[in-house]
Amino acid sequence: MSSASRRPLIRTLRARLTIWYLLTLALTLGLFTALLFVALSRTLYRHHDDELFEQATSLAEVLAGGPLNDAHIAGVLSGSRAASRFVMLRDGRGELRYRSPVLEFAEPNIGRHEALIHAAAHGAREPQFFTATLEHSGAVRFICIPLDASSSAYLQVGNPLGDVPTTLHSVLWACFGLVPLVLILTSFGGWLIARRALAPIQSIDSTLQAIQATDLARRIDVDPADEELSRLVATLNQLLDRLERGFLSLRQFAADVSHQLQTPLTVMQGSVDVAMRAAGRPDANASVLADVAEEIRDMNAILVGLRDLALADASPPAERRDPVDLSEAVREATEIIGALGEAKQIGVKSNIQPAVTIHGDKVRLKQVVLNLGDNAVKYTPAGGDVTIDLSTEGDQAVLRVVDSGLGIDAAHLPRVFDRFYRIDASRAGIEGTGLGLAIIKRIVEVHGGAVDVESRVGRGSTFTVRLPLT
């Protein structure tokens, strides 16, 4: 099945809401019509049944005390309200023993009516109500009761329903005519209700379109009374906050990269110009080429840092999020850092708790330790100390790299993890790209951890990395 065939025929949410509203209303009106018809029918029939029961029971009491002949029955009926009714007396086989004079002329064949015969022939001892359709009188409501306990005779009293069926049919047809009219009229109301309900969503869409076309500083406003929309708008505004921070960071990152690469390129361009002017002096060419080589090394270091930063920005693939023995990774990195410290006459000590396990990428986690250790050795004078400590605290692995080096002024601490941020004034003569700590921070965050620093000028620095245990 193609994607086009799976699309809804009605594309707008407003139309679908209106249709659902009409379907619900139609079902409700249909149910109401059915209940109204049943209730009205039961009420009208109960009125007839109550009258029939009252007349039949009183007539049966009088007839039970005398002979069941035509003269006696006619005399009893003459003084009874049942005289205007259809009165019959049948035996236990359903055979007609008496019928009122009105039936002799109105319904001459009533003695053979199956429903009336059956009502008296099946031996019921409780009153029975039923409707029989006669040849000339139409629908008649009957009651059939045993005359007394000792006889097998049954008294049947009937009353034409008259306008009851007509009334019920009129009500039914009136409902059938009114329900479509109500649905047509309310469809416009449903359309307006759906339009008003979706108005805040249209406002949100317009605002998002304007944000897309202009800037990310705008935010979506909504009536706080709309609880559901308020939660949606809050989520969208949080998303816009993250997007704005991301774009600002990207813009700043692009500016920093262009600035960092512009300087060595300018130096290289000047060096090449000098080399071209000094083409006849080999000693000058050597000096110029040495400058170019140094700037190329700086550019290469920046590009390597950018590559590492891009790798750090990406979450480790699923196949590389296996349990990692962090203790082993720190131990391997410490051996390399120890060699670096030995070359500068710096003592490197370690205190590594065994079997500290986390989920992640061992290569990147080892890079964190190497970068922190390299910085500690780089900014520690000869004769100083660097300590690498790995332990656990609660459900976290804690890595601390402590040095006795230059330290960092408190004013610079909030920005030491920013990309390309370097404290050149206090670190003259020390090479770096300003990306190392940014790479460390990103790798740690990707692994669900955090990194912070404490430092005092002239006393050294302590970098602390916290990572969740397996």
Protein backbone atom coordinates (compact mmCIF):
# COMPACT_ATOMS: atom_id res chain seq x y z
CA MET A 1 0.00 0.00 0.00
CA SER A 2 1.44 3.38 -1.00
CA SER A 3 1.87 6.25 1.40
CA ALA A 4 -0.71 8.26 -0.53
CA SER A 5 -3.35 5.58 0.05
CA ARG A 6 -2.72 5.71 3.81
CA ARG A 7 -3.32 9.44 4.09
CA PRO A 8 -6.59 10.48 5.74
CA LEU A 9 -9.25 11.71 3.33
CA ILE A 10 -9.93 14.64 5.65
CA ARG A 11 -6.64 16.50 6.01
CA THR A 12 -7.51 19.21 8.55
CA LEU A 13 -7.80 18.58 12.27
CA ARG A 14 -10.68 21.04 12.46
CA ALA A 15 -12.76 18.97 10.01
CA ARG A 16 -11.99 15.74 11.84
CA LEU A 17 -12.95 17.27 15.20
CA THR A 18 -16.23 18.53 13.69
CA ILE A 19 -17.05 15.10 12.25
CA TRP A 20 -16.29 13.37 15.55
CA TYR A 21 -18.48 15.94 17.30
CA LEU A 22 -21.35 15.28 14.89
CA LEU A 23 -20.99 11.50 15.17
CA THR A 24 -21.07 11.72 18.96
CA LEU A 25 -24.09 14.03 18.86
CA ALA A 26 -25.90 11.77 16.34
CA LEU A 27 -25.30 8.74 18.54
CA THR A 28 -26.55 10.64 21.59
CA LEU A 29 -29.68 11.88 19.81
CA GLY A 30 -30.37 8.39 18.43
CA LEU A 31 -30.10 6.90 21.90
CA PHE A 32 -32.30 9.66 23.29
CA THR A 33 -34.94 9.01 20.60
CA ALA A 34 -34.99 5.29 21.34
CA LEU A 35 -35.30 5.85 25.10
CA LEU A 36 -38.02 8.46 24.57
CA PHE A 37 -40.03 6.10 22.33
CA VAL A 38 -39.74 3.21 24.80
CA ALA A 39 -40.64 5.37 27.80
CA LEU A 40 -43.62 6.99 26.06
CA SER A 41 -44.85 3.62 24.76
CA ARG A 42 -44.65 2.04 28.21
CA THR A 43 -46.44 5.01 29.77
CA LEU A 44 -49.32 4.96 27.29
CA TYR A 45 -49.74 1.19 27.44
CA ARG A 46 -49.51 1.19 31.23
CA HIS A 47 -52.39 3.67 31.35
CA HIS A 48 -54.55 1.26 29.30
CA ASP A 49 -53.38 -1.75 31.30
CA ASP A 50 -54.25 -0.14 34.64
CA GLU A 51 -57.78 0.62 33.49
CA LEU A 52 -58.24 -2.86 32.05
CA PHE A 53 -56.96 -4.54 35.20
CA GLU A 54 -59.23 -2.51 37.45
CA GLN A 55 -62.33 -3.21 35.35
CA ALA A 56 -61.52 -6.89 34.77
CA THR A 57 -60.89 -7.68 38.44
CA SER A 58 -64.04 -5.92 39.62
CA LEU A 59 -66.09 -7.63 36.90
CA ALA A 60 -64.60 -11.05 37.72
CA GLU A 61 -65.52 -10.68 41.40
CA VAL A 62 -69.17 -10.02 40.50
CA LEU A 63 -69.39 -12.78 37.89
CA ALA A 64 -67.75 -15.37 40.16
CA GLY A 65 -70.71 -15.29 42.55
CA GLY A 66 -73.45 -16.10 40.02
CA PRO A 67 -74.37 -18.36 37.10
CA LEU A 68 -72.35 -17.92 33.95
CA ASN A 69 -75.24 -17.43 31.54
CA ASP A 70 -75.91 -14.64 29.08
CA ALA A 71 -78.68 -13.05 31.11
CA HIS A 72 -76.62 -12.84 34.29
CA ILE A 73 -73.52 -11.57 32.50
CA ALA A 74 -75.54 -8.99 30.52
CA GLY A 75 -77.15 -7.78 33.77
CA VAL A 76 -73.76 -7.36 35.42
CA LEU A 77 -72.35 -5.53 32.42
CA SER A 78 -75.26 -3.16 32.19
CA GLY A 79 -74.29 -1.54 35.48
CA SER A 80 -70.54 -1.63 34.89
CA ARG A 81 -68.09 0.67 33.18
CA ALA A 82 -66.92 -2.35 31.20
CA ALA A 83 -70.14 -2.24 29.18
CA SER A 84 -68.38 -0.09 26.56
CA ARG A 85 -65.47 -2.52 26.41
CA PHE A 86 -64.95 -5.74 24.52
CA VAL A 87 -65.92 -8.42 27.08
CA MET A 88 -65.65 -12.14 26.43
CA LEU A 89 -65.86 -15.30 28.50
CA ARG A 90 -63.94 -18.39 27.33
CA ASP A 91 -63.48 -21.87 28.74
CA GLY A 92 -60.18 -23.63 29.38
CA ARG A 93 -59.97 -24.74 25.76
CA GLY A 94 -60.34 -21.19 24.46
CA GLU A 95 -63.87 -21.72 23.19
CA LEU A 96 -66.01 -18.58 23.27
CA ARG A 97 -68.87 -18.82 25.86
CA TYR A 98 -69.95 -15.19 25.91
CA ARG A 99 -69.22 -11.94 24.12
CA SER A 100 -70.61 -8.47 24.69
CA PRO A 101 -73.29 -7.22 22.27
CA VAL A 102 -70.89 -4.66 20.75
CA LEU A 103 -68.69 -7.51 19.51
CA GLU A 104 -71.59 -9.30 17.81
CA PHE A 105 -71.81 -6.45 15.33
CA ALA A 106 -68.27 -5.02 15.35
CA GLU A 107 -66.28 -8.32 15.28
CA PRO A 108 -68.44 -11.32 14.24
CA ASN A 109 -65.36 -13.53 13.76
CA ILE A 110 -63.68 -12.78 17.09
CA GLY A 111 -64.41 -16.27 18.39
CA ARG A 112 -61.83 -17.70 15.98
CA HIS A 113 -59.04 -15.18 16.75
CA GLU A 114 -55.92 -17.25 17.49
CA ALA A 115 -54.35 -14.85 19.99
CA LEU A 116 -57.50 -14.72 22.09
CA ILE A 117 -57.96 -18.49 21.99
CA HIS A 118 -54.35 -19.12 22.96
CA ALA A 119 -54.50 -16.67 25.90
CA ALA A 120 -57.33 -18.71 27.51
CA ALA A 121 -56.21 -22.18 26.42
CA HIS A 122 -52.70 -22.38 27.92
CA GLY A 123 -53.89 -22.33 31.54
CA ALA A 124 -52.23 -19.20 32.92
CA ARG A 125 -53.29 -18.28 36.47
CA GLU A 126 -51.93 -14.70 36.37
CA PRO A 127 -53.29 -11.72 34.40
CA GLN A 128 -52.00 -11.48 30.85
CA PHE A 129 -51.78 -8.30 28.75
CA PHE A 130 -51.45 -8.42 24.99
CA THR A 131 -52.38 -6.47 21.87
CA ALA A 132 -54.51 -8.11 19.18
CA THR A 133 -55.32 -6.69 15.78
CA LEU A 134 -58.98 -7.31 14.95
CA GLU A 135 -60.59 -7.24 11.53
CA HIS A 136 -62.67 -4.12 11.96
CA SER A 137 -61.56 -2.55 15.20
CA GLY A 138 -57.83 -2.47 14.55
CA ALA A 139 -55.40 -2.66 17.46
CA VAL A 140 -57.07 -3.60 20.74
CA ARG A 141 -55.39 -4.00 24.12
CA PHE A 142 -56.65 -7.07 26.03
CA ILE A 143 -56.39 -8.50 29.53
CA CYS A 144 -57.05 -12.17 30.18
CA ILE A 145 -57.57 -13.35 33.79
CA PRO A 146 -58.96 -16.57 35.29
CA LEU A 147 -62.50 -16.00 36.48
CA ASP A 148 -61.97 -17.80 39.82
CA ALA A 149 -59.85 -20.60 41.27
CA SER A 150 -62.59 -23.26 41.02
CA SER A 151 -63.63 -22.75 37.41
CA SER A 152 -61.70 -23.10 34.21
CA ALA A 153 -63.29 -20.04 32.66
CA TYR A 154 -61.31 -16.96 31.59
CA LEU A 155 -62.48 -13.39 31.39
CA GLN A 156 -61.11 -11.27 28.57
CA VAL A 157 -61.64 -7.51 28.51
CA GLY A 158 -60.36 -5.34 25.67
CA ASN A 159 -60.20 -1.66 24.81
CA PRO A 160 -59.23 -0.22 21.39
CA LEU A 161 -55.92 1.60 21.57
CA GLY A 162 -57.30 4.45 19.54
CA ASP A 163 -54.68 7.17 19.04
CA VAL A 164 -51.86 5.45 20.96
CA PRO A 165 -50.14 3.93 17.85
CA THR A 166 -50.73 7.19 15.97
CA THR A 167 -49.14 9.17 18.80
CA LEU A 168 -46.11 6.87 18.95
CA HIS A 169 -45.61 7.02 15.20
CA SER A 170 -45.95 10.80 15.22
CA VAL A 171 -43.30 11.09 17.91
CA LEU A 172 -41.02 8.73 16.00
CA TRP A 173 -41.36 10.55 12.70
CA ALA A 174 -40.92 13.90 14.44
CA CYS A 175 -37.61 12.66 15.88
CA PHE A 176 -36.49 11.35 12.50
CA GLY A 177 -37.17 14.76 11.02
CA LEU A 178 -35.67 16.83 13.82
CA VAL A 179 -32.45 14.87 14.38
CA PRO A 180 -30.99 15.61 10.90
CA LEU A 181 -32.03 19.25 11.25
CA VAL A 182 -30.32 19.48 14.64
CA LEU A 183 -27.19 17.83 13.21
CA ILE A 184 -27.08 20.28 10.31
CA LEU A 185 -27.47 23.29 12.61
CA THR A 186 -24.98 22.04 15.18
CA SER A 187 -22.39 21.22 12.50
CA PHE A 188 -21.80 24.95 12.16
CA GLY A 189 -21.47 25.23 15.93
CA GLY A 190 -19.02 22.30 15.95
CA TRP A 191 -16.97 23.94 13.22
CA LEU A 192 -16.80 27.19 15.20
CA ILE A 193 -15.93 25.34 18.44
CA ALA A 194 -13.14 23.41 16.70
CA ARG A 195 -11.86 26.65 15.16
CA ARG A 196 -11.77 28.37 18.54
CA ALA A 197 -10.15 25.34 20.22
CA LEU A 198 -7.40 25.24 17.57
CA ALA A 199 -6.80 28.98 17.55
CA PRO A 200 -3.93 28.73 20.12
CA ILE A 201 -2.23 26.09 17.96
CA GLN A 202 -2.46 28.39 14.95
CA SER A 203 -0.95 31.14 17.09
CA ILE A 204 1.89 28.80 18.09
CA ASP A 205 2.48 27.92 14.42
CA SER A 206 2.58 31.61 13.43
CA THR A 207 5.06 32.38 16.20
CA LEU A 208 7.30 29.47 15.21
CA GLN A 209 7.21 30.60 11.58
CA ALA A 210 8.24 34.10 12.66
CA ILE A 211 11.02 32.69 14.84
CA GLN A 212 12.26 30.61 11.94
CA ALA A 213 12.26 33.60 9.66
CA THR A 214 13.87 36.13 12.01
CA ASP A 215 15.68 35.12 15.21
CA LEU A 216 15.61 32.65 18.07
CA ALA A 217 15.14 35.23 20.82
CA ARG A 218 11.33 35.25 20.62
CA ARG A 219 9.25 32.91 22.74
CA ILE A 220 5.71 31.54 22.47
CA ASP A 221 2.97 32.99 24.67
CA VAL A 222 -0.21 31.13 25.62
CA ASP A 223 -3.14 31.63 27.98
CA PRO A 224 -2.12 29.97 31.30
CA ALA A 225 -5.70 28.70 31.64
CA ASP A 226 -5.01 26.21 28.82
CA GLU A 227 -3.18 23.60 30.92
CA GLU A 228 -2.40 21.17 28.08
CA LEU A 229 -1.20 23.91 25.73
CA SER A 230 0.81 25.50 28.55
CA ARG A 231 2.81 22.29 28.95
CA LEU A 232 3.35 22.07 25.17
CA VAL A 233 4.44 25.71 24.98
CA ALA A 234 6.80 25.26 27.94
CA THR A 235 8.43 22.32 26.15
CA LEU A 236 8.73 24.28 22.90
CA ASN A 237 10.22 27.28 24.70
CA GLN A 238 12.78 25.02 26.39
CA LEU A 239 13.64 23.62 22.96
CA LEU A 240 14.04 27.15 21.61
CA ASP A 241 16.31 28.00 24.55
CA ARG A 242 18.54 25.04 23.71
CA LEU A 243 18.53 25.94 20.01
CA GLU A 244 19.42 29.55 20.76
CA ARG A 245 22.30 28.50 23.00
CA GLY A 246 23.44 26.02 20.37
CA PHE A 247 23.41 28.61 17.57
CA LEU A 248 25.19 31.16 19.73
CA SER A 249 27.79 28.56 20.65
CA LEU A 250 28.19 27.59 17.00
CA ARG A 251 28.54 31.23 15.97
CA GLN A 252 31.13 31.83 18.68
CA PHE A 253 32.91 28.61 17.74
CA ALA A 254 33.14 29.69 14.08
CA ALA A 255 34.49 33.09 15.13
CA ASP A 256 37.08 31.45 17.42
CA VAL A 257 38.21 29.02 14.73
CA SER A 258 38.60 31.77 12.15
CA HIS A 259 40.57 33.83 14.65
CA GLN A 260 42.82 30.93 15.64
CA LEU A 261 43.57 29.98 12.04
CA GLN A 262 43.94 33.55 10.82
CA THR A 263 47.04 34.27 12.89
CA PRO A 264 49.23 31.40 11.63
CA LEU A 265 48.05 32.00 8.09
CA THR A 266 49.04 35.65 8.33
CA VAL A 267 52.44 34.68 9.71
CA MET A 268 52.90 32.10 6.96
CA GLN A 269 51.93 34.65 4.31
CA GLY A 270 54.44 37.17 5.71
CA SER A 271 57.12 34.51 5.94
CA VAL A 272 56.60 33.49 2.34
CA ASP A 273 56.85 37.16 1.25
CA VAL A 274 60.12 37.50 3.15
CA ALA A 275 61.42 34.29 1.59
CA MET A 276 60.60 35.57 -1.87
CA ARG A 277 62.41 38.84 -1.22
CA ALA A 278 65.41 37.04 0.31
CA ALA A 279 65.70 34.43 -2.42
CA GLY A 280 69.42 35.08 -2.77
CA ARG A 281 70.26 34.63 0.93
CA PRO A 282 70.13 30.99 2.02
CA ASP A 283 70.47 31.80 5.70
CA ALA A 284 67.40 34.07 5.56
CA ASN A 285 65.42 31.39 3.74
CA ALA A 286 66.17 28.87 6.46
CA SER A 287 64.89 31.22 9.14
CA VAL A 288 61.72 31.97 7.17
CA LEU A 289 61.06 28.31 6.48
CA ALA A 290 61.51 27.57 10.18
CA ASP A 291 58.81 30.15 10.97
CA VAL A 292 56.50 28.64 8.35
CA ALA A 293 57.08 25.15 9.75
CA GLU A 294 56.25 26.37 13.26
CA GLU A 295 53.01 27.97 12.11
CA ILE A 296 52.08 24.83 10.19
CA ARG A 297 52.60 22.84 13.37
CA ASP A 298 50.30 25.28 15.21
CA MET A 299 47.63 24.92 12.53
CA ASN A 300 47.97 21.16 12.60
CA ALA A 301 47.56 21.16 16.37
CA ILE A 302 44.42 23.29 16.06
CA LEU A 303 42.95 20.99 13.42
CA VAL A 304 43.78 17.91 15.50
CA GLY A 305 42.06 19.57 18.45
CA LEU A 306 39.02 20.36 16.30
CA ARG A 307 38.88 16.75 15.15
CA ASP A 308 39.07 15.52 18.74
CA LEU A 309 36.40 18.01 19.74
CA ALA A 310 34.11 16.83 16.93
CA LEU A 311 34.62 13.23 18.07
CA ALA A 312 33.91 14.25 21.65
CA ASP A 313 30.67 15.99 20.59
CA ALA A 314 29.36 12.73 19.16
CA SER A 315 27.99 10.16 21.58
CA PRO A 316 29.91 6.88 21.55
CA PRO A 317 28.30 4.27 19.27
CA ALA A 318 26.21 1.63 20.98
CA GLU A 319 28.80 -1.04 20.29
CA ARG A 320 31.37 1.06 22.18
CA ARG A 321 29.28 1.60 25.31
CA ASP A 322 30.37 -1.66 26.91
CA PRO A 323 31.57 -1.86 30.52
CA VAL A 324 35.06 -0.32 30.79
CA ASP A 325 37.62 -1.02 33.48
CA LEU A 326 38.36 2.60 34.29
CA SER A 327 41.09 1.56 36.71
CA GLU A 328 43.04 -0.07 33.89
CA ALA A 329 42.55 2.92 31.57
CA VAL A 330 43.81 5.33 34.27
CA ARG A 331 46.77 3.06 35.04
CA GLU A 332 47.82 2.96 31.36
CA ALA A 333 47.50 6.73 31.03
CA THR A 334 49.44 7.26 34.28
CA GLU A 335 52.44 5.37 32.87
CA ILE A 336 52.60 7.77 29.92
CA ILE A 337 52.17 10.81 32.15
CA GLY A 338 54.91 9.48 34.42
CA ALA A 339 57.29 9.41 31.46
CA LEU A 340 56.36 13.01 30.61
CA GLY A 341 56.95 14.09 34.21
CA GLU A 342 60.29 12.32 34.40
CA ALA A 343 61.53 14.31 31.38
CA LYS A 344 60.71 17.55 33.29
CA GLN A 345 61.90 16.31 36.68
CA ILE A 346 58.33 16.23 38.01
CA GLY A 347 57.20 13.47 40.33
CA VAL A 348 54.03 11.67 39.21
CA LYS A 349 52.22 9.64 41.87
CA SER A 350 49.03 7.61 41.58
CA ASN A 351 46.46 6.07 43.89
CA ILE A 352 44.12 3.92 41.79
CA GLN A 353 41.29 1.90 43.29
CA PRO A 354 41.04 -1.41 41.43
CA ALA A 355 38.02 -2.73 39.48
CA VAL A 356 36.26 0.61 39.00
CA THR A 357 33.88 -0.10 36.11
CA ILE A 358 31.74 2.29 34.06
CA HIS A 359 29.99 2.21 30.68
CA GLY A 360 31.66 4.06 27.84
CA ASP A 361 34.48 4.31 25.34
CA LYS A 362 37.84 3.31 26.80
CA VAL A 363 39.84 5.28 24.21
CA ARG A 364 38.07 8.56 24.97
CA LEU A 365 38.14 7.99 28.73
CA LYS A 366 41.88 7.35 28.53
CA GLN A 367 42.17 10.59 26.52
CA VAL A 368 40.57 12.47 29.43
CA VAL A 369 43.25 11.21 31.83
CA LEU A 370 46.05 11.91 29.35
CA ASN A 371 44.90 15.47 28.65
CA LEU A 372 44.51 16.29 32.35
CA GLY A 373 47.87 14.72 33.18
CA ASP A 374 49.61 16.45 30.27
CA ASN A 375 48.23 19.83 31.40
CA ALA A 376 49.31 19.14 34.98
CA VAL A 377 52.88 18.32 33.86
CA LYS A 378 52.95 21.23 31.40
CA TYR A 379 52.00 23.86 34.00
CA THR A 380 54.05 22.47 36.90
CA PRO A 381 57.65 23.72 37.34
CA ALA A 382 60.55 21.27 37.70
CA GLY A 383 60.65 19.68 41.15
CA GLY A 384 56.85 19.81 41.51
CA ASP A 385 54.41 16.98 41.99
CA VAL A 386 51.40 15.58 40.10
CA THR A 387 49.01 13.14 41.77
CA ILE A 388 46.41 11.04 39.95
CA ASP A 389 43.75 9.54 42.22
CA LEU A 390 40.86 7.23 41.25
CA SER A 391 38.23 6.15 43.79
CA THR A 392 34.49 5.65 44.17
CA GLU A 393 32.01 7.78 46.09
CA GLY A 394 28.49 6.37 46.28
CA ASP A 395 27.40 5.47 42.74
CA GLN A 396 30.14 7.55 41.08
CA ALA A 397 33.70 7.02 39.98
CA VAL A 398 35.83 10.02 40.99
CA LEU A 399 39.08 10.90 39.19
CA ARG A 400 41.25 13.67 40.66
CA VAL A 401 44.35 15.12 39.01
CA VAL A 402 46.24 17.36 41.44
CA ASP A 403 49.32 19.43 40.58
CA SER A 404 51.55 21.90 42.44
CA GLY A 405 51.91 24.16 39.40
CA LEU A 406 51.13 27.74 38.44
CA GLY A 407 47.48 27.67 39.43
CA ILE A 408 44.61 29.61 37.86
CA ASP A 409 43.29 32.99 38.91
CA ALA A 410 39.71 32.86 40.24
CA ALA A 411 38.55 35.27 37.52
CA HIS A 412 39.44 32.73 34.83
CA LEU A 413 37.99 29.60 36.45
CA PRO A 414 34.44 29.95 35.00
CA ARG A 415 35.84 29.94 31.44
CA VAL A 416 38.67 27.43 31.54
CA PHE A 417 36.50 24.79 29.82
CA ASP A 418 35.43 27.13 26.98
CA ARG A 419 36.75 26.36 23.52
CA PHE A 420 39.90 28.30 22.50
CA TYR A 421 40.04 30.05 25.87
CA ARG A 422 43.64 30.51 26.99
CA ILE A 423 45.13 32.44 29.92
CA ASP A 424 48.11 33.73 27.93
CA ALA A 425 49.20 36.35 30.41
CA SER A 426 49.99 33.84 33.16
CA ARG A 427 51.27 31.07 30.90
CA ALA A 428 53.74 32.84 28.64
CA GLY A 429 55.91 30.52 26.64
CA ILE A 430 53.61 27.43 27.06
CA GLU A 431 52.15 26.09 23.84
CA GLY A 432 48.50 25.10 23.48
CA THR A 433 45.41 25.50 21.33
CA GLY A 434 42.81 26.20 24.03
CA LEU A 435 40.85 23.07 23.10
CA GLY A 436 42.20 20.48 25.55
CA LEU A 437 39.90 21.24 28.50
CA ALA A 438 36.90 21.74 26.18
CA ILE A 439 37.52 18.24 24.76
CA ILE A 440 37.76 16.81 28.29
CA LYS A 441 34.50 18.46 29.35
CA ARG A 442 32.63 17.22 26.30
CA ILE A 443 33.85 13.62 26.62
CA VAL A 444 32.88 13.56 30.30
CA GLU A 445 29.41 15.00 29.56
CA VAL A 446 28.80 12.46 26.78
CA HIS A 447 29.51 9.75 29.36
CA GLY A 448 26.95 11.24 31.74
CA GLY A 449 29.48 12.83 34.09
CA ALA A 450 30.77 16.22 35.14
CA VAL A 451 34.15 17.90 35.56
CA ASP A 452 35.15 20.87 37.71
CA VAL A 453 38.32 22.60 38.86
CA GLU A 454 39.66 24.18 42.05
CA SER A 455 42.79 26.30 41.87
CA ARG A 456 44.89 28.94 43.61
CA VAL A 457 47.58 30.99 41.92
CA GLY A 458 51.01 29.68 42.85
CA ARG A 459 49.55 26.69 44.74
CA GLY A 460 48.39 24.44 41.89
CA SER A 461 45.10 23.07 40.60
CA THR A 462 42.81 20.10 41.24
CA PHE A 463 40.65 18.80 38.39
CA THR A 464 37.85 16.43 39.46
CA VAL A 465 35.95 14.16 37.07
CA ARG A 466 32.82 12.33 38.23
CA LEU A 467 31.36 9.49 36.16
CA PRO A 468 28.41 7.17 36.91
CA LEU A 469 29.38 3.62 37.84
CA THR A 470 28.04 0.65 35.91
